């Protein structure tokens, strides 16, 4: 997988892939950029530019070949299932799991980790929940580098060092805590409150 593509393009490629998989199951061989843009609420010029970065040009009469698009996107994002872990099995963690299970994602949650004794040893849709003390061994054994962090704010400072020591290099952070990590660790924050407040501000303007 190359790192030369802009981040926004990578994010859109993920959206394209999930949508194109649905088109493929409908036995539809071609799709127009303006149709993808309309469904995904994007601009056609961005869609065409993204595909140009993949080295793909469309046909004016038929559009873009879906099989070729998926092939090129898979080359960039990877087509083999990527194992990740979830830390935190509260209501938020359960919601994240349900979302991933319902989406057409190439990501697979291979294990859940918790500090709550009442949740350790349970399973969620056949995904086992382990003690956080087992995280390092599991991560190193499975070569896992990415984790979803969905724990209460007060637990972050205890859990984050364990994640970093285990070798986690990518974190999708659902907690409201700003993570202090080394430069080589990639963090993406999902701040629901800030997003809602930004929407409300935009609506009131």
N, C-alpha and C. Protein backbone atom coordinates (compact mmCIF):
# COMPACT_ATOMS: atom_id res chain seq x y z
N UNK A 1 0.85 -1.19 0.00
CA UNK A 1 0.00 0.00 0.00
C UNK A 1 0.88 1.24 0.00
N UNK A 2 0.60 2.15 -0.91
CA UNK A 2 1.41 3.34 -0.99
C UNK A 2 0.92 4.41 -0.05
N UNK A 3 1.84 5.32 0.31
CA UNK A 3 1.49 6.41 1.20
C UNK A 3 1.47 7.74 0.47
N UNK A 4 1.55 7.69 -0.87
CA UNK A 4 1.69 8.92 -1.62
C UNK A 4 0.37 9.65 -1.86
N UNK A 5 -0.74 9.00 -1.62
CA UNK A 5 -2.03 9.64 -1.86
C UNK A 5 -2.40 10.57 -0.71
N UNK A 6 -3.09 11.69 -1.01
CA UNK A 6 -3.55 12.59 0.05
C UNK A 6 -4.51 11.88 0.99
N UNK A 7 -4.52 12.32 2.25
CA UNK A 7 -5.37 11.66 3.25
C UNK A 7 -6.84 11.70 2.85
N UNK A 8 -7.32 12.84 2.33
CA UNK A 8 -8.73 12.93 1.95
C UNK A 8 -9.07 11.96 0.83
N UNK A 9 -8.12 11.74 -0.07
CA UNK A 9 -8.34 10.77 -1.14
C UNK A 9 -8.45 9.36 -0.56
N UNK A 10 -7.58 9.02 0.39
CA UNK A 10 -7.64 7.71 1.03
C UNK A 10 -9.00 7.50 1.69
N UNK A 11 -9.49 8.53 2.38
CA UNK A 11 -10.79 8.42 3.04
C UNK A 11 -11.90 8.19 2.02
N UNK A 12 -11.82 8.89 0.89
CA UNK A 12 -12.85 8.71 -0.13
C UNK A 12 -12.73 7.36 -0.81
N UNK A 13 -11.51 6.86 -1.00
CA UNK A 13 -11.34 5.54 -1.60
C UNK A 13 -12.05 4.47 -0.78
N UNK A 14 -11.99 4.61 0.53
CA UNK A 14 -12.68 3.67 1.40
C UNK A 14 -14.19 3.72 1.16
N UNK A 15 -14.72 4.93 0.98
CA UNK A 15 -16.14 5.08 0.69
C UNK A 15 -16.49 4.48 -0.66
N UNK A 16 -15.66 4.77 -1.66
CA UNK A 16 -15.91 4.23 -3.00
C UNK A 16 -15.97 2.70 -2.96
N UNK A 17 -15.00 2.11 -2.27
CA UNK A 17 -14.91 0.65 -2.28
C UNK A 17 -16.17 0.01 -1.70
N UNK A 18 -16.65 0.55 -0.58
CA UNK A 18 -17.85 -0.03 0.02
C UNK A 18 -19.05 0.10 -0.90
N UNK A 19 -19.15 1.23 -1.58
CA UNK A 19 -20.27 1.43 -2.50
C UNK A 19 -20.12 0.57 -3.75
N UNK A 20 -18.92 0.51 -4.29
CA UNK A 20 -18.69 -0.27 -5.51
C UNK A 20 -18.91 -1.76 -5.29
N UNK A 21 -18.64 -2.23 -4.08
CA UNK A 21 -18.92 -3.64 -3.77
C UNK A 21 -20.41 -3.93 -3.94
N UNK A 22 -21.25 -2.98 -3.57
CA UNK A 22 -22.70 -3.16 -3.73
C UNK A 22 -23.08 -3.16 -5.21
N UNK A 23 -22.45 -2.26 -5.98
CA UNK A 23 -22.71 -2.24 -7.42
C UNK A 23 -22.30 -3.57 -8.06
N UNK A 24 -21.18 -4.11 -7.61
CA UNK A 24 -20.68 -5.35 -8.20
C UNK A 24 -21.65 -6.49 -7.98
N UNK A 25 -22.26 -6.54 -6.81
CA UNK A 25 -23.21 -7.60 -6.53
C UNK A 25 -24.49 -7.46 -7.36
N UNK A 26 -24.71 -6.27 -7.90
CA UNK A 26 -25.87 -6.05 -8.77
C UNK A 26 -25.54 -6.36 -10.22
N UNK A 27 -24.33 -6.89 -10.44
CA UNK A 27 -23.87 -7.22 -11.80
C UNK A 27 -23.88 -6.00 -12.71
N UNK A 28 -23.56 -4.86 -12.13
CA UNK A 28 -23.47 -3.64 -12.92
C UNK A 28 -21.99 -3.38 -13.22
N UNK A 29 -21.56 -3.44 -14.49
CA UNK A 29 -20.13 -3.38 -14.80
C UNK A 29 -19.54 -1.98 -14.81
N UNK A 30 -20.36 -0.96 -14.99
CA UNK A 30 -19.84 0.41 -15.10
C UNK A 30 -20.62 1.36 -14.19
N UNK A 31 -19.96 2.46 -13.84
CA UNK A 31 -20.60 3.48 -13.02
C UNK A 31 -20.04 4.84 -13.43
N UNK A 32 -20.88 5.86 -13.38
CA UNK A 32 -20.44 7.21 -13.71
C UNK A 32 -19.98 7.93 -12.44
N UNK A 33 -19.02 8.83 -12.61
CA UNK A 33 -18.49 9.56 -11.47
C UNK A 33 -19.56 10.42 -10.81
N UNK A 34 -20.47 10.98 -11.61
CA UNK A 34 -21.49 11.85 -11.01
C UNK A 34 -22.49 11.05 -10.18
N UNK A 35 -22.67 9.76 -10.52
CA UNK A 35 -23.55 8.92 -9.70
C UNK A 35 -22.91 8.63 -8.35
N UNK A 36 -21.61 8.31 -8.36
CA UNK A 36 -20.90 8.10 -7.09
C UNK A 36 -20.91 9.36 -6.25
N UNK A 37 -20.67 10.49 -6.91
CA UNK A 37 -20.64 11.77 -6.20
C UNK A 37 -22.00 12.07 -5.56
N UNK A 38 -23.06 11.82 -6.29
CA UNK A 38 -24.40 12.10 -5.77
C UNK A 38 -24.72 11.23 -4.55
N UNK A 39 -24.42 9.94 -4.65
CA UNK A 39 -24.74 9.02 -3.55
C UNK A 39 -23.91 9.32 -2.31
N UNK A 40 -22.64 9.68 -2.52
CA UNK A 40 -21.73 9.91 -1.39
C UNK A 40 -21.66 11.37 -0.97
N UNK A 41 -22.47 12.22 -1.61
CA UNK A 41 -22.49 13.65 -1.29
C UNK A 41 -21.11 14.28 -1.49
N UNK A 42 -20.52 13.98 -2.64
CA UNK A 42 -19.22 14.53 -3.00
C UNK A 42 -19.35 15.34 -4.29
N UNK A 43 -18.26 15.95 -4.70
CA UNK A 43 -18.22 16.65 -5.98
C UNK A 43 -17.64 15.72 -7.04
N UNK A 44 -18.25 15.75 -8.22
CA UNK A 44 -17.79 14.87 -9.31
C UNK A 44 -16.32 15.10 -9.63
N UNK A 45 -15.88 16.36 -9.53
CA UNK A 45 -14.49 16.67 -9.87
C UNK A 45 -13.54 15.97 -8.91
N UNK A 46 -13.94 15.83 -7.63
CA UNK A 46 -13.10 15.13 -6.66
C UNK A 46 -13.04 13.64 -6.97
N UNK A 47 -14.18 13.08 -7.37
CA UNK A 47 -14.21 11.65 -7.71
C UNK A 47 -13.30 11.38 -8.90
N UNK A 48 -13.43 12.20 -9.93
CA UNK A 48 -12.60 12.00 -11.13
C UNK A 48 -11.12 12.19 -10.82
N UNK A 49 -10.81 13.17 -9.96
CA UNK A 49 -9.41 13.41 -9.59
C UNK A 49 -8.84 12.22 -8.82
N UNK A 50 -9.64 11.67 -7.90
CA UNK A 50 -9.18 10.51 -7.14
C UNK A 50 -8.88 9.34 -8.06
N UNK A 51 -9.76 9.11 -9.03
CA UNK A 51 -9.56 7.99 -9.96
C UNK A 51 -8.36 8.25 -10.87
N UNK A 52 -8.14 9.52 -11.19
CA UNK A 52 -6.97 9.87 -12.00
C UNK A 52 -5.68 9.53 -11.24
N UNK A 53 -5.69 9.77 -9.91
CA UNK A 53 -4.52 9.43 -9.10
C UNK A 53 -4.27 7.93 -9.07
N UNK A 54 -5.33 7.15 -9.31
CA UNK A 54 -5.18 5.69 -9.39
C UNK A 54 -4.76 5.24 -10.78
N UNK A 55 -4.69 6.20 -11.71
CA UNK A 55 -4.32 5.86 -13.08
C UNK A 55 -5.47 5.34 -13.91
N UNK A 56 -6.70 5.72 -13.54
CA UNK A 56 -7.88 5.21 -14.23
C UNK A 56 -8.62 6.36 -14.91
N UNK A 57 -8.98 6.14 -16.16
CA UNK A 57 -9.81 7.10 -16.88
C UNK A 57 -11.12 6.41 -17.27
N UNK A 58 -12.18 7.20 -17.28
CA UNK A 58 -13.49 6.64 -17.59
C UNK A 58 -13.84 6.78 -19.07
N UNK A 59 -14.87 6.07 -19.46
CA UNK A 59 -15.41 6.16 -20.81
C UNK A 59 -16.59 7.12 -20.78
N UNK A 60 -16.63 8.07 -21.71
CA UNK A 60 -17.68 9.08 -21.69
C UNK A 60 -19.07 8.49 -21.81
N UNK A 61 -19.18 7.39 -22.52
CA UNK A 61 -20.50 6.79 -22.73
C UNK A 61 -20.89 5.80 -21.64
N UNK A 62 -19.90 5.09 -21.08
CA UNK A 62 -20.23 4.03 -20.12
C UNK A 62 -19.80 4.35 -18.69
N UNK A 63 -18.84 5.25 -18.53
CA UNK A 63 -18.37 5.57 -17.19
C UNK A 63 -17.10 4.80 -16.85
N UNK A 64 -16.97 4.41 -15.58
CA UNK A 64 -15.78 3.72 -15.09
C UNK A 64 -16.07 2.23 -14.90
N UNK A 65 -15.09 1.43 -15.25
CA UNK A 65 -15.21 -0.02 -15.07
C UNK A 65 -15.10 -0.34 -13.57
N UNK A 66 -16.15 -0.92 -13.01
CA UNK A 66 -16.20 -1.17 -11.57
C UNK A 66 -15.14 -2.19 -11.15
N UNK A 67 -14.95 -3.24 -11.94
CA UNK A 67 -13.95 -4.25 -11.60
C UNK A 67 -12.56 -3.62 -11.53
N UNK A 68 -12.24 -2.74 -12.49
CA UNK A 68 -10.93 -2.10 -12.50
C UNK A 68 -10.78 -1.14 -11.33
N UNK A 69 -11.84 -0.40 -11.02
CA UNK A 69 -11.79 0.51 -9.87
C UNK A 69 -11.50 -0.25 -8.58
N UNK A 70 -12.22 -1.34 -8.37
CA UNK A 70 -12.01 -2.12 -7.15
C UNK A 70 -10.61 -2.71 -7.11
N UNK A 71 -10.13 -3.13 -8.24
CA UNK A 71 -8.78 -3.70 -8.30
C UNK A 71 -7.74 -2.67 -7.89
N UNK A 72 -7.86 -1.45 -8.42
CA UNK A 72 -6.90 -0.39 -8.12
C UNK A 72 -7.02 0.09 -6.68
N UNK A 73 -8.26 0.21 -6.20
CA UNK A 73 -8.46 0.64 -4.81
C UNK A 73 -7.90 -0.41 -3.85
N UNK A 74 -8.12 -1.68 -4.16
CA UNK A 74 -7.60 -2.75 -3.31
C UNK A 74 -6.07 -2.74 -3.27
N UNK A 75 -5.46 -2.36 -4.39
CA UNK A 75 -4.00 -2.28 -4.42
C UNK A 75 -3.49 -1.23 -3.43
N UNK A 76 -4.26 -0.16 -3.27
CA UNK A 76 -3.85 0.92 -2.37
C UNK A 76 -4.23 0.64 -0.92
N UNK A 77 -5.45 0.19 -0.71
CA UNK A 77 -5.94 0.02 0.66
C UNK A 77 -5.72 -1.38 1.21
N UNK A 78 -5.42 -2.33 0.30
CA UNK A 78 -5.27 -3.72 0.73
C UNK A 78 -6.60 -4.45 0.62
N UNK A 79 -6.56 -5.67 0.13
CA UNK A 79 -7.80 -6.43 -0.05
C UNK A 79 -7.92 -7.59 0.93
N UNK A 80 -6.83 -7.92 1.59
CA UNK A 80 -6.89 -8.98 2.59
C UNK A 80 -7.38 -8.38 3.90
N UNK A 81 -8.15 -9.15 4.65
CA UNK A 81 -8.68 -8.65 5.90
C UNK A 81 -7.58 -8.21 6.86
N UNK A 82 -7.75 -7.04 7.43
CA UNK A 82 -6.77 -6.49 8.38
C UNK A 82 -7.31 -6.67 9.79
N UNK A 83 -6.55 -7.34 10.63
CA UNK A 83 -6.97 -7.57 12.01
C UNK A 83 -6.67 -6.35 12.88
N UNK A 84 -7.68 -5.94 13.62
CA UNK A 84 -7.53 -4.85 14.57
C UNK A 84 -8.10 -5.32 15.91
N UNK A 85 -7.89 -4.53 16.95
CA UNK A 85 -8.45 -4.88 18.25
C UNK A 85 -9.28 -3.72 18.78
N UNK A 86 -10.21 -4.06 19.64
CA UNK A 86 -11.05 -3.06 20.31
C UNK A 86 -10.73 -3.07 21.79
N UNK A 87 -10.52 -1.89 22.34
CA UNK A 87 -10.27 -1.77 23.77
C UNK A 87 -11.42 -0.99 24.39
N UNK A 88 -12.21 -1.70 25.18
CA UNK A 88 -13.39 -1.11 25.79
C UNK A 88 -14.67 -1.72 25.26
N UNK A 89 -15.43 -2.39 26.13
CA UNK A 89 -16.67 -3.03 25.71
C UNK A 89 -17.86 -2.43 26.45
N UNK A 90 -17.84 -1.11 26.57
CA UNK A 90 -19.02 -0.42 27.10
C UNK A 90 -20.03 -0.22 25.98
N UNK A 91 -20.98 0.67 26.21
CA UNK A 91 -22.01 0.91 25.20
C UNK A 91 -21.41 1.44 23.90
N UNK A 92 -20.39 2.31 24.02
CA UNK A 92 -19.75 2.85 22.83
C UNK A 92 -19.01 1.75 22.08
N UNK A 93 -18.26 0.94 22.81
CA UNK A 93 -17.53 -0.16 22.17
C UNK A 93 -18.45 -1.12 21.46
N UNK A 94 -19.58 -1.44 22.09
CA UNK A 94 -20.55 -2.34 21.46
C UNK A 94 -21.12 -1.72 20.19
N UNK A 95 -21.36 -0.41 20.21
CA UNK A 95 -21.89 0.27 19.02
C UNK A 95 -20.88 0.24 17.88
N UNK A 96 -19.61 0.46 18.20
CA UNK A 96 -18.56 0.42 17.18
C UNK A 96 -18.48 -0.97 16.56
N UNK A 97 -18.54 -2.00 17.41
CA UNK A 97 -18.50 -3.37 16.91
C UNK A 97 -19.67 -3.66 15.97
N UNK A 98 -20.85 -3.24 16.38
CA UNK A 98 -22.04 -3.49 15.56
C UNK A 98 -21.92 -2.78 14.22
N UNK A 99 -21.38 -1.56 14.23
CA UNK A 99 -21.23 -0.82 12.99
C UNK A 99 -20.27 -1.54 12.04
N UNK A 100 -19.14 -1.98 12.57
CA UNK A 100 -18.16 -2.67 11.72
C UNK A 100 -18.72 -3.98 11.17
N UNK A 101 -19.52 -4.66 11.96
CA UNK A 101 -20.09 -5.92 11.50
C UNK A 101 -21.12 -5.71 10.40
N UNK A 102 -21.82 -4.57 10.45
CA UNK A 102 -22.87 -4.30 9.47
C UNK A 102 -22.33 -3.65 8.20
N UNK A 103 -21.10 -3.15 8.23
CA UNK A 103 -20.55 -2.46 7.07
C UNK A 103 -19.75 -3.42 6.21
N UNK A 104 -19.54 -3.01 4.96
CA UNK A 104 -18.73 -3.82 4.04
C UNK A 104 -17.27 -3.43 4.24
N UNK A 105 -16.71 -3.86 5.35
CA UNK A 105 -15.35 -3.45 5.71
C UNK A 105 -14.39 -4.62 5.59
N UNK A 106 -13.16 -4.29 5.20
CA UNK A 106 -12.11 -5.30 5.14
C UNK A 106 -11.40 -5.41 6.49
N UNK A 107 -11.85 -4.64 7.46
CA UNK A 107 -11.26 -4.68 8.79
C UNK A 107 -11.98 -5.73 9.63
N UNK A 108 -11.22 -6.44 10.43
CA UNK A 108 -11.79 -7.48 11.28
C UNK A 108 -11.31 -7.28 12.72
N UNK A 109 -12.26 -7.12 13.62
CA UNK A 109 -11.92 -7.03 15.04
C UNK A 109 -11.64 -8.46 15.53
N UNK A 110 -10.40 -8.71 15.87
CA UNK A 110 -10.00 -10.07 16.23
C UNK A 110 -10.10 -10.34 17.73
N UNK A 111 -10.17 -9.27 18.54
CA UNK A 111 -10.27 -9.46 19.99
C UNK A 111 -10.69 -8.16 20.65
N UNK A 112 -11.26 -8.30 21.84
CA UNK A 112 -11.66 -7.15 22.66
C UNK A 112 -10.88 -7.24 23.97
N UNK A 113 -10.51 -6.07 24.51
CA UNK A 113 -9.79 -6.05 25.78
C UNK A 113 -10.49 -5.11 26.75
N UNK A 114 -10.51 -5.53 28.01
CA UNK A 114 -11.25 -4.80 29.04
C UNK A 114 -10.49 -4.84 30.37
N UNK A 115 -10.85 -3.88 31.25
CA UNK A 115 -10.34 -3.92 32.62
C UNK A 115 -11.45 -4.31 33.59
N UNK A 116 -12.69 -4.33 33.09
CA UNK A 116 -13.84 -4.69 33.92
C UNK A 116 -13.93 -6.21 34.05
N UNK A 117 -13.76 -6.75 35.26
CA UNK A 117 -13.78 -8.22 35.44
C UNK A 117 -15.08 -8.86 34.97
N UNK A 118 -16.20 -8.12 35.03
CA UNK A 118 -17.49 -8.71 34.65
C UNK A 118 -17.59 -8.93 33.14
N UNK A 119 -16.73 -8.27 32.36
CA UNK A 119 -16.78 -8.41 30.90
C UNK A 119 -15.70 -9.35 30.37
N UNK A 120 -14.64 -9.51 31.14
CA UNK A 120 -13.55 -10.40 30.73
C UNK A 120 -14.05 -11.84 30.71
N UNK A 121 -13.77 -12.53 29.61
CA UNK A 121 -14.22 -13.91 29.47
C UNK A 121 -15.54 -14.04 28.73
N UNK A 122 -16.17 -12.90 28.43
CA UNK A 122 -17.41 -12.93 27.65
C UNK A 122 -17.06 -12.84 26.17
N UNK A 123 -18.07 -12.87 25.33
CA UNK A 123 -17.85 -12.70 23.90
C UNK A 123 -18.97 -11.86 23.31
N UNK A 124 -18.66 -11.19 22.22
CA UNK A 124 -19.63 -10.36 21.51
C UNK A 124 -19.61 -10.78 20.06
N UNK A 125 -20.70 -11.44 19.62
CA UNK A 125 -20.75 -11.95 18.24
C UNK A 125 -19.51 -12.79 17.90
N UNK A 126 -19.19 -13.68 18.81
CA UNK A 126 -18.08 -14.64 18.65
C UNK A 126 -16.70 -13.99 18.73
N UNK A 127 -16.63 -12.75 19.19
CA UNK A 127 -15.33 -12.10 19.42
C UNK A 127 -15.08 -12.12 20.93
N UNK A 128 -13.99 -12.76 21.34
CA UNK A 128 -13.71 -12.94 22.76
C UNK A 128 -13.17 -11.66 23.39
N UNK A 129 -13.53 -11.49 24.66
CA UNK A 129 -13.05 -10.35 25.43
C UNK A 129 -12.03 -10.83 26.46
N UNK A 130 -10.83 -10.24 26.39
CA UNK A 130 -9.73 -10.63 27.26
C UNK A 130 -9.39 -9.52 28.25
N UNK A 131 -8.62 -9.89 29.26
CA UNK A 131 -8.10 -8.90 30.19
C UNK A 131 -7.05 -8.03 29.50
N UNK A 132 -7.00 -6.77 29.88
CA UNK A 132 -6.02 -5.85 29.30
C UNK A 132 -4.60 -6.35 29.56
N UNK A 133 -4.42 -7.16 30.59
CA UNK A 133 -3.09 -7.69 30.89
C UNK A 133 -2.60 -8.67 29.82
N UNK A 134 -3.51 -9.16 28.99
CA UNK A 134 -3.15 -10.11 27.94
C UNK A 134 -2.90 -9.41 26.60
N UNK A 135 -3.04 -8.09 26.58
CA UNK A 135 -2.97 -7.35 25.31
C UNK A 135 -1.61 -7.49 24.64
N UNK A 136 -0.53 -7.29 25.39
CA UNK A 136 0.80 -7.30 24.79
C UNK A 136 1.10 -8.62 24.09
N UNK A 137 0.83 -9.73 24.76
CA UNK A 137 1.10 -11.04 24.17
C UNK A 137 0.26 -11.26 22.92
N UNK A 138 -1.01 -10.85 22.97
CA UNK A 138 -1.91 -11.05 21.84
C UNK A 138 -1.46 -10.23 20.63
N UNK A 139 -1.11 -8.97 20.88
CA UNK A 139 -0.69 -8.07 19.79
C UNK A 139 0.59 -8.57 19.14
N UNK A 140 1.56 -8.95 19.94
CA UNK A 140 2.83 -9.41 19.39
C UNK A 140 2.67 -10.73 18.65
N UNK A 141 1.82 -11.59 19.17
CA UNK A 141 1.60 -12.89 18.52
C UNK A 141 0.89 -12.72 17.18
N UNK A 142 -0.03 -11.78 17.11
CA UNK A 142 -0.81 -11.60 15.89
C UNK A 142 -0.28 -10.54 14.95
N UNK A 143 0.79 -9.83 15.35
CA UNK A 143 1.33 -8.78 14.50
C UNK A 143 0.36 -7.64 14.28
N UNK A 144 -0.45 -7.36 15.28
CA UNK A 144 -1.48 -6.32 15.16
C UNK A 144 -0.89 -4.96 15.47
N UNK A 145 -1.25 -3.96 14.67
CA UNK A 145 -0.70 -2.62 14.85
C UNK A 145 -1.75 -1.55 15.08
N UNK A 146 -3.03 -1.89 14.90
CA UNK A 146 -4.09 -0.89 14.98
C UNK A 146 -5.13 -1.26 16.03
N UNK A 147 -5.56 -0.25 16.79
CA UNK A 147 -6.54 -0.48 17.85
C UNK A 147 -7.59 0.62 17.86
N UNK A 148 -8.79 0.25 18.26
CA UNK A 148 -9.85 1.21 18.52
C UNK A 148 -9.92 1.40 20.03
N UNK A 149 -9.83 2.64 20.48
CA UNK A 149 -9.87 2.93 21.91
C UNK A 149 -11.23 3.54 22.25
N UNK A 150 -12.02 2.79 23.03
CA UNK A 150 -13.37 3.24 23.36
C UNK A 150 -13.62 3.04 24.85
N UNK A 151 -12.80 3.70 25.66
CA UNK A 151 -12.90 3.57 27.11
C UNK A 151 -13.23 4.93 27.73
N UNK A 152 -13.73 4.95 28.96
CA UNK A 152 -13.99 6.23 29.63
C UNK A 152 -12.71 7.05 29.79
N UNK A 153 -12.86 8.35 29.85
CA UNK A 153 -11.71 9.25 29.93
C UNK A 153 -10.79 8.91 31.09
N UNK A 154 -11.38 8.52 32.22
CA UNK A 154 -10.56 8.27 33.41
C UNK A 154 -9.68 7.02 33.29
N UNK A 155 -9.95 6.18 32.30
CA UNK A 155 -9.16 4.95 32.14
C UNK A 155 -8.04 5.09 31.10
N UNK A 156 -8.06 6.17 30.34
CA UNK A 156 -7.13 6.31 29.22
C UNK A 156 -5.67 6.28 29.67
N UNK A 157 -5.34 7.04 30.70
CA UNK A 157 -3.94 7.16 31.12
C UNK A 157 -3.37 5.84 31.65
N UNK A 158 -4.23 4.95 32.11
CA UNK A 158 -3.76 3.64 32.55
C UNK A 158 -3.59 2.67 31.38
N UNK A 159 -4.44 2.81 30.37
CA UNK A 159 -4.45 1.85 29.27
C UNK A 159 -3.49 2.23 28.15
N UNK A 160 -3.34 3.53 27.88
CA UNK A 160 -2.51 3.96 26.75
C UNK A 160 -1.07 3.45 26.83
N UNK A 161 -0.39 3.53 27.98
CA UNK A 161 0.99 3.00 28.03
C UNK A 161 1.07 1.51 27.69
N UNK A 162 0.05 0.75 28.08
CA UNK A 162 0.04 -0.68 27.76
C UNK A 162 -0.06 -0.88 26.25
N UNK A 163 -0.89 -0.07 25.60
CA UNK A 163 -1.04 -0.16 24.15
C UNK A 163 0.27 0.17 23.44
N UNK A 164 0.92 1.24 23.88
CA UNK A 164 2.17 1.66 23.24
C UNK A 164 3.28 0.64 23.48
N UNK A 165 3.36 0.13 24.69
CA UNK A 165 4.38 -0.88 24.99
C UNK A 165 4.16 -2.16 24.18
N UNK A 166 2.90 -2.45 23.86
CA UNK A 166 2.58 -3.66 23.09
C UNK A 166 2.97 -3.51 21.62
N UNK A 167 3.15 -2.26 21.17
CA UNK A 167 3.54 -2.04 19.77
C UNK A 167 2.43 -1.51 18.89
N UNK A 168 1.35 -1.03 19.49
CA UNK A 168 0.27 -0.44 18.69
C UNK A 168 0.78 0.86 18.05
N UNK A 169 0.58 0.99 16.74
CA UNK A 169 1.08 2.15 15.99
C UNK A 169 -0.03 3.02 15.41
N UNK A 170 -1.26 2.54 15.48
CA UNK A 170 -2.38 3.32 14.96
C UNK A 170 -3.56 3.21 15.91
N UNK A 171 -4.15 4.36 16.28
CA UNK A 171 -5.23 4.36 17.26
C UNK A 171 -6.39 5.21 16.74
N UNK A 172 -7.57 4.60 16.69
CA UNK A 172 -8.80 5.36 16.47
C UNK A 172 -9.37 5.65 17.84
N UNK A 173 -9.33 6.91 18.24
CA UNK A 173 -9.62 7.29 19.61
C UNK A 173 -11.02 7.85 19.76
N UNK A 174 -11.88 7.10 20.44
CA UNK A 174 -13.24 7.55 20.72
C UNK A 174 -13.35 8.24 22.08
N UNK A 175 -12.29 8.22 22.85
CA UNK A 175 -12.35 8.86 24.17
C UNK A 175 -12.17 10.37 24.00
N UNK A 176 -12.67 11.17 24.95
CA UNK A 176 -12.49 12.62 24.86
C UNK A 176 -11.09 13.08 25.24
N UNK A 177 -10.25 12.16 25.68
CA UNK A 177 -8.89 12.50 26.11
C UNK A 177 -7.97 12.67 24.89
N UNK A 178 -7.16 13.73 24.91
CA UNK A 178 -6.14 13.91 23.88
C UNK A 178 -4.95 13.02 24.22
N UNK A 179 -4.58 12.17 23.29
CA UNK A 179 -3.55 11.17 23.56
C UNK A 179 -2.15 11.73 23.35
N UNK A 180 -1.29 11.49 24.31
CA UNK A 180 0.12 11.89 24.21
C UNK A 180 0.92 10.68 23.75
N UNK A 181 1.27 10.67 22.46
CA UNK A 181 1.93 9.49 21.88
C UNK A 181 3.18 9.92 21.13
N UNK A 182 4.10 8.98 20.89
CA UNK A 182 5.29 9.29 20.08
C UNK A 182 4.91 9.68 18.66
N UNK A 183 5.82 10.34 17.97
CA UNK A 183 5.54 10.85 16.63
C UNK A 183 5.18 9.75 15.64
N UNK A 184 5.73 8.55 15.84
CA UNK A 184 5.49 7.47 14.87
C UNK A 184 4.13 6.81 15.04
N UNK A 185 3.40 7.17 16.09
CA UNK A 185 2.08 6.60 16.32
C UNK A 185 1.02 7.52 15.71
N UNK A 186 0.15 6.95 14.89
CA UNK A 186 -0.90 7.71 14.22
C UNK A 186 -2.18 7.64 15.05
N UNK A 187 -2.75 8.81 15.35
CA UNK A 187 -3.99 8.87 16.12
C UNK A 187 -5.04 9.63 15.31
N UNK A 188 -6.23 9.07 15.24
CA UNK A 188 -7.37 9.76 14.66
C UNK A 188 -8.45 9.84 15.73
N UNK A 189 -8.84 11.07 16.07
CA UNK A 189 -9.82 11.29 17.12
C UNK A 189 -11.23 11.37 16.56
N UNK A 190 -12.15 10.69 17.22
CA UNK A 190 -13.56 10.78 16.87
C UNK A 190 -14.24 11.54 18.01
N UNK A 191 -14.42 12.84 17.80
CA UNK A 191 -14.97 13.71 18.84
C UNK A 191 -16.42 14.02 18.50
N UNK A 192 -17.33 13.26 19.04
CA UNK A 192 -18.75 13.38 18.69
C UNK A 192 -19.30 14.73 19.14
N UNK A 193 -18.95 15.17 20.34
CA UNK A 193 -19.49 16.42 20.87
C UNK A 193 -19.04 17.61 20.03
N UNK A 194 -17.74 17.66 19.70
CA UNK A 194 -17.24 18.77 18.89
C UNK A 194 -17.90 18.80 17.52
N UNK A 195 -18.12 17.62 16.94
CA UNK A 195 -18.76 17.55 15.63
C UNK A 195 -20.19 18.07 15.69
N UNK A 196 -20.92 17.68 16.73
CA UNK A 196 -22.30 18.15 16.88
C UNK A 196 -22.35 19.65 17.12
N UNK A 197 -21.42 20.16 17.93
CA UNK A 197 -21.40 21.59 18.19
C UNK A 197 -21.04 22.38 16.93
N UNK A 198 -20.16 21.81 16.10
CA UNK A 198 -19.81 22.47 14.84
C UNK A 198 -21.02 22.51 13.91
N UNK A 199 -21.81 21.43 13.89
CA UNK A 199 -23.02 21.40 13.07
C UNK A 199 -24.01 22.45 13.56
N UNK A 200 -24.22 22.50 14.87
CA UNK A 200 -25.17 23.47 15.43
C UNK A 200 -24.73 24.90 15.15
N UNK A 201 -23.41 25.15 15.24
CA UNK A 201 -22.90 26.49 14.94
C UNK A 201 -23.16 26.84 13.47
N UNK A 202 -22.92 25.89 12.58
CA UNK A 202 -23.13 26.14 11.15
C UNK A 202 -24.60 26.40 10.85
N UNK A 203 -25.49 25.69 11.54
CA UNK A 203 -26.92 25.88 11.33
C UNK A 203 -27.41 27.23 11.84
N UNK A 204 -26.75 27.74 12.87
CA UNK A 204 -27.19 29.01 13.46
C UNK A 204 -26.61 30.22 12.76
N UNK A 205 -25.64 29.98 11.85
CA UNK A 205 -24.95 31.09 11.19
C UNK A 205 -25.77 31.74 10.09
